[in-house]
N, C-alpha and C. Protein backbone atom coordinates (compact mmCIF):
# COMPACT_ATOMS: atom_id res chain seq x y z
N MET A 1 13.37 -31.01 -5.12
CA MET A 1 12.16 -30.42 -4.53
C MET A 1 11.22 -29.65 -5.66
N VAL A 2 9.88 -29.90 -5.31
CA VAL A 2 9.06 -29.18 -5.92
C VAL A 2 8.63 -28.07 -5.26
N LYS A 3 8.75 -26.79 -6.17
CA LYS A 3 8.24 -25.49 -5.50
C LYS A 3 6.62 -25.39 -5.93
N LYS A 4 6.06 -24.82 -4.79
CA LYS A 4 4.41 -24.85 -4.94
C LYS A 4 4.06 -23.33 -5.72
N ILE A 5 3.29 -23.38 -6.68
CA ILE A 5 2.63 -22.14 -7.27
C ILE A 5 1.68 -21.67 -6.43
N LEU A 6 2.08 -20.56 -6.17
CA LEU A 6 0.80 -19.85 -5.20
C LEU A 6 0.22 -18.66 -6.04
N LEU A 7 -0.94 -18.50 -6.59
CA LEU A 7 -1.54 -17.60 -7.35
C LEU A 7 -2.10 -16.40 -6.35
N ASN A 8 -2.07 -15.00 -6.76
CA ASN A 8 -2.59 -14.26 -5.78
C ASN A 8 -4.40 -14.44 -5.63
N THR A 9 -4.46 -15.20 -6.09
CA THR A 9 -6.15 -15.53 -6.01
C THR A 9 -6.11 -16.97 -4.80
N ASP A 10 -5.07 -17.34 -4.52
CA ASP A 10 -4.90 -18.58 -3.61
C ASP A 10 -5.21 -17.99 -2.04
N SER A 11 -5.89 -18.76 -0.92
CA SER A 11 -6.27 -18.30 0.34
C SER A 11 -4.83 -18.23 1.22
N GLU A 12 -4.04 -19.00 0.75
CA GLU A 12 -2.54 -19.27 1.37
C GLU A 12 -1.53 -17.95 1.41
N THR A 13 -2.19 -16.89 0.30
CA THR A 13 -1.02 -15.97 0.19
C THR A 13 -1.25 -14.96 1.21
N ALA A 14 -2.60 -14.74 1.65
CA ALA A 14 -2.85 -13.60 2.91
C ALA A 14 -4.06 -13.98 3.73
N SER A 15 -3.83 -13.05 4.89
CA SER A 15 -4.92 -13.42 6.15
C SER A 15 -4.97 -12.15 6.80
N PHE A 16 -6.32 -12.00 7.36
CA PHE A 16 -6.68 -11.05 8.03
C PHE A 16 -6.40 -10.89 9.24
N ASN A 17 -5.59 -9.98 10.15
CA ASN A 17 -5.12 -10.12 11.14
C ASN A 17 -6.21 -9.13 12.32
N GLN A 18 -7.11 -9.96 13.08
CA GLN A 18 -8.31 -8.79 13.75
C GLN A 18 -7.61 -8.29 14.82
N PHE A 19 -6.75 -8.30 15.06
CA PHE A 19 -6.00 -7.60 16.53
C PHE A 19 -5.16 -6.37 16.04
N THR A 20 -4.47 -6.64 14.68
CA THR A 20 -3.56 -4.81 14.04
C THR A 20 -4.70 -4.49 12.94
N ASN A 21 -5.84 -5.14 12.53
CA ASN A 21 -6.67 -4.47 11.79
C ASN A 21 -6.03 -4.47 10.27
N CYS A 22 -5.42 -5.24 10.02
CA CYS A 22 -4.59 -5.66 8.73
C CYS A 22 -4.34 -6.68 7.75
N TRP A 23 -3.94 -6.72 6.86
CA TRP A 23 -3.84 -7.97 5.80
C TRP A 23 -2.27 -8.51 6.19
N LEU A 24 -2.14 -9.52 6.10
CA LEU A 24 -0.72 -10.25 6.28
C LEU A 24 -0.72 -11.02 5.34
N SER A 25 0.69 -10.93 4.40
CA SER A 25 1.03 -11.72 3.50
C SER A 25 1.56 -12.95 4.24
N ARG A 26 1.63 -14.06 3.14
CA ARG A 26 2.47 -15.30 3.76
C ARG A 26 3.71 -15.02 4.30
N HIS A 27 4.37 -14.04 4.30
CA HIS A 27 5.82 -13.75 4.50
C HIS A 27 5.53 -12.84 5.79
N GLY A 28 4.58 -12.46 6.29
CA GLY A 28 4.64 -11.88 7.79
C GLY A 28 4.26 -10.15 7.55
N LYS A 29 4.14 -9.84 6.34
CA LYS A 29 4.38 -8.27 6.14
C LYS A 29 2.80 -7.72 6.16
N ALA A 30 2.73 -6.85 6.55
CA ALA A 30 1.49 -6.17 7.20
C ALA A 30 1.22 -5.07 5.86
N PHE A 31 -0.14 -5.30 5.29
CA PHE A 31 -0.73 -4.24 4.20
C PHE A 31 -2.11 -3.61 4.70
N GLU A 32 -2.42 -2.74 4.47
CA GLU A 32 -3.96 -1.97 4.27
C GLU A 32 -4.47 -3.11 3.42
N GLU A 33 -4.36 -3.12 2.13
CA GLU A 33 -5.49 -3.57 1.36
C GLU A 33 -5.23 -5.16 1.09
N GLU A 34 -5.82 -5.73 0.79
CA GLU A 34 -6.07 -7.41 0.67
C GLU A 34 -5.34 -7.51 -0.62
N VAL A 35 -5.48 -6.93 -1.48
CA VAL A 35 -4.79 -7.14 -3.03
C VAL A 35 -2.99 -7.08 -2.95
N THR A 36 -2.97 -6.48 -2.13
CA THR A 36 -1.38 -5.82 -1.99
C THR A 36 -0.52 -6.97 -1.28
N ALA A 37 -1.34 -7.53 -0.34
CA ALA A 37 -0.83 -8.60 0.57
C ALA A 37 -0.87 -10.16 -0.33
N ARG A 38 -2.07 -9.98 -1.27
CA ARG A 38 -1.85 -11.39 -1.65
C ARG A 38 -1.03 -11.19 -2.99
N LEU A 39 -0.35 -9.91 -3.45
CA LEU A 39 0.55 -10.01 -4.58
C LEU A 39 2.02 -9.89 -3.54
N ASP A 40 2.00 -9.84 -2.56
CA ASP A 40 3.24 -10.04 -1.73
C ASP A 40 3.56 -11.46 -1.58
N GLY A 41 2.48 -12.01 -1.29
CA GLY A 41 2.47 -13.51 -0.69
C GLY A 41 2.07 -14.40 -1.93
N CYS A 42 2.37 -13.98 -3.24
CA CYS A 42 1.99 -15.09 -4.11
C CYS A 42 3.40 -15.22 -4.86
N THR A 43 3.37 -16.37 -5.65
CA THR A 43 4.66 -16.82 -6.59
C THR A 43 4.30 -16.58 -8.02
N HIS A 44 2.76 -16.59 -8.06
CA HIS A 44 2.67 -16.50 -9.52
C HIS A 44 1.34 -15.42 -9.66
N ILE A 45 0.94 -14.80 -11.21
CA ILE A 45 -0.23 -14.15 -11.08
C ILE A 45 -0.60 -14.60 -12.55
N ILE A 46 -1.83 -14.07 -12.66
CA ILE A 46 -2.74 -14.56 -13.79
C ILE A 46 -2.81 -13.31 -14.76
N CYS A 47 -2.10 -13.09 -15.73
CA CYS A 47 -2.18 -12.07 -16.81
C CYS A 47 -3.32 -11.70 -16.97
N GLN A 48 -3.49 -10.64 -16.92
CA GLN A 48 -5.01 -9.61 -17.02
C GLN A 48 -5.72 -9.63 -18.45
N THR A 49 -4.72 -9.73 -19.56
CA THR A 49 -5.04 -9.84 -20.80
C THR A 49 -5.51 -11.11 -21.22
N CYS A 50 -4.55 -12.16 -20.99
CA CYS A 50 -4.61 -13.46 -21.79
C CYS A 50 -4.76 -14.62 -20.87
N SER A 51 -4.79 -14.28 -19.61
CA SER A 51 -5.21 -15.32 -18.26
C SER A 51 -3.95 -16.74 -18.26
N ALA A 52 -2.66 -16.18 -18.62
CA ALA A 52 -1.41 -16.94 -18.80
C ALA A 52 -1.09 -17.05 -16.91
N ILE A 53 -0.22 -18.34 -16.52
CA ILE A 53 0.06 -18.00 -15.47
C ILE A 53 1.60 -17.82 -15.58
N ILE A 54 1.88 -16.71 -14.79
CA ILE A 54 3.42 -16.19 -15.14
C ILE A 54 4.07 -16.13 -13.41
N ASN A 55 5.54 -15.86 -13.76
CA ASN A 55 6.11 -16.09 -12.41
C ASN A 55 5.98 -14.46 -12.07
N LYS A 56 5.67 -13.96 -11.11
CA LYS A 56 5.45 -12.64 -10.73
C LYS A 56 6.87 -11.93 -10.65
N ASN A 57 8.20 -12.31 -10.64
CA ASN A 57 9.12 -11.97 -10.82
C ASN A 57 9.91 -11.91 -12.14
N SER A 58 8.91 -12.40 -12.89
CA SER A 58 9.56 -12.51 -14.25
C SER A 58 8.70 -11.87 -15.59
N HIS A 59 7.35 -11.28 -14.75
CA HIS A 59 6.41 -10.39 -15.91
C HIS A 59 6.81 -9.32 -16.71
N GLY A 60 6.14 -8.91 -17.52
CA GLY A 60 6.36 -7.69 -18.26
C GLY A 60 5.75 -6.40 -17.02
N THR A 61 5.04 -5.58 -17.52
CA THR A 61 4.71 -4.35 -16.83
C THR A 61 3.31 -4.47 -16.57
N GLY A 62 2.99 -4.09 -15.00
CA GLY A 62 1.91 -4.33 -14.43
C GLY A 62 1.63 -5.80 -14.24
N LEU A 63 0.34 -6.10 -14.50
CA LEU A 63 -0.28 -7.50 -14.03
C LEU A 63 -0.44 -8.03 -15.55
N VAL A 64 0.30 -8.02 -16.55
CA VAL A 64 0.41 -8.87 -17.38
C VAL A 64 1.62 -9.14 -18.20
N CYS A 65 1.74 -10.07 -18.81
CA CYS A 65 2.66 -11.12 -19.27
C CYS A 65 3.43 -10.19 -20.16
N LYS A 66 4.67 -10.86 -20.37
CA LYS A 66 5.72 -9.68 -21.48
C LYS A 66 4.95 -9.93 -23.00
N GLY A 67 4.66 -10.81 -23.19
CA GLY A 67 3.85 -11.04 -24.70
C GLY A 67 2.56 -9.96 -24.94
N CYS A 68 1.80 -10.10 -23.66
CA CYS A 68 0.67 -8.94 -23.58
C CYS A 68 1.26 -7.56 -23.35
N SER A 69 2.13 -7.23 -22.98
CA SER A 69 2.91 -6.00 -22.66
C SER A 69 3.71 -5.61 -23.92
N ASN A 70 4.19 -6.31 -24.52
CA ASN A 70 4.75 -6.00 -25.90
C ASN A 70 3.61 -6.07 -27.07
N VAL A 71 2.71 -6.50 -26.97
CA VAL A 71 1.42 -6.25 -27.70
C VAL A 71 0.97 -4.77 -27.79
N ASP A 72 0.75 -4.60 -26.20
CA ASP A 72 0.33 -3.09 -25.87
C ASP A 72 1.20 -2.14 -26.30
N LEU A 73 2.61 -2.31 -26.20
CA LEU A 73 3.31 -1.06 -26.52
C LEU A 73 3.50 -1.37 -28.13
N ALA A 74 3.21 -2.12 -28.67
CA ALA A 74 3.21 -1.87 -30.16
C ALA A 74 2.11 -1.22 -30.75
N GLN A 75 1.02 -0.87 -30.09
CA GLN A 75 -0.29 -0.37 -30.28
C GLN A 75 0.06 1.11 -30.61
N TYR A 76 0.95 1.45 -29.88
CA TYR A 76 1.27 3.03 -29.79
C TYR A 76 2.36 3.33 -30.83
């Protein structure tokens, strides 16, 4: 079975519920902010530094990949 890659920018990751006036992730969890619902509903994110597609459960810190996270830490 091939698993689907869903980025936080994909429309399937979240939808707005007009009755409850909140965002629902594809898992059915309610959020006030669209970005939070999309992050909950996605399987992968785009690194904010190098634009690599990374598994959201195996990335470095924040919204960057491990490689970019290590580079950022090395600068200090």
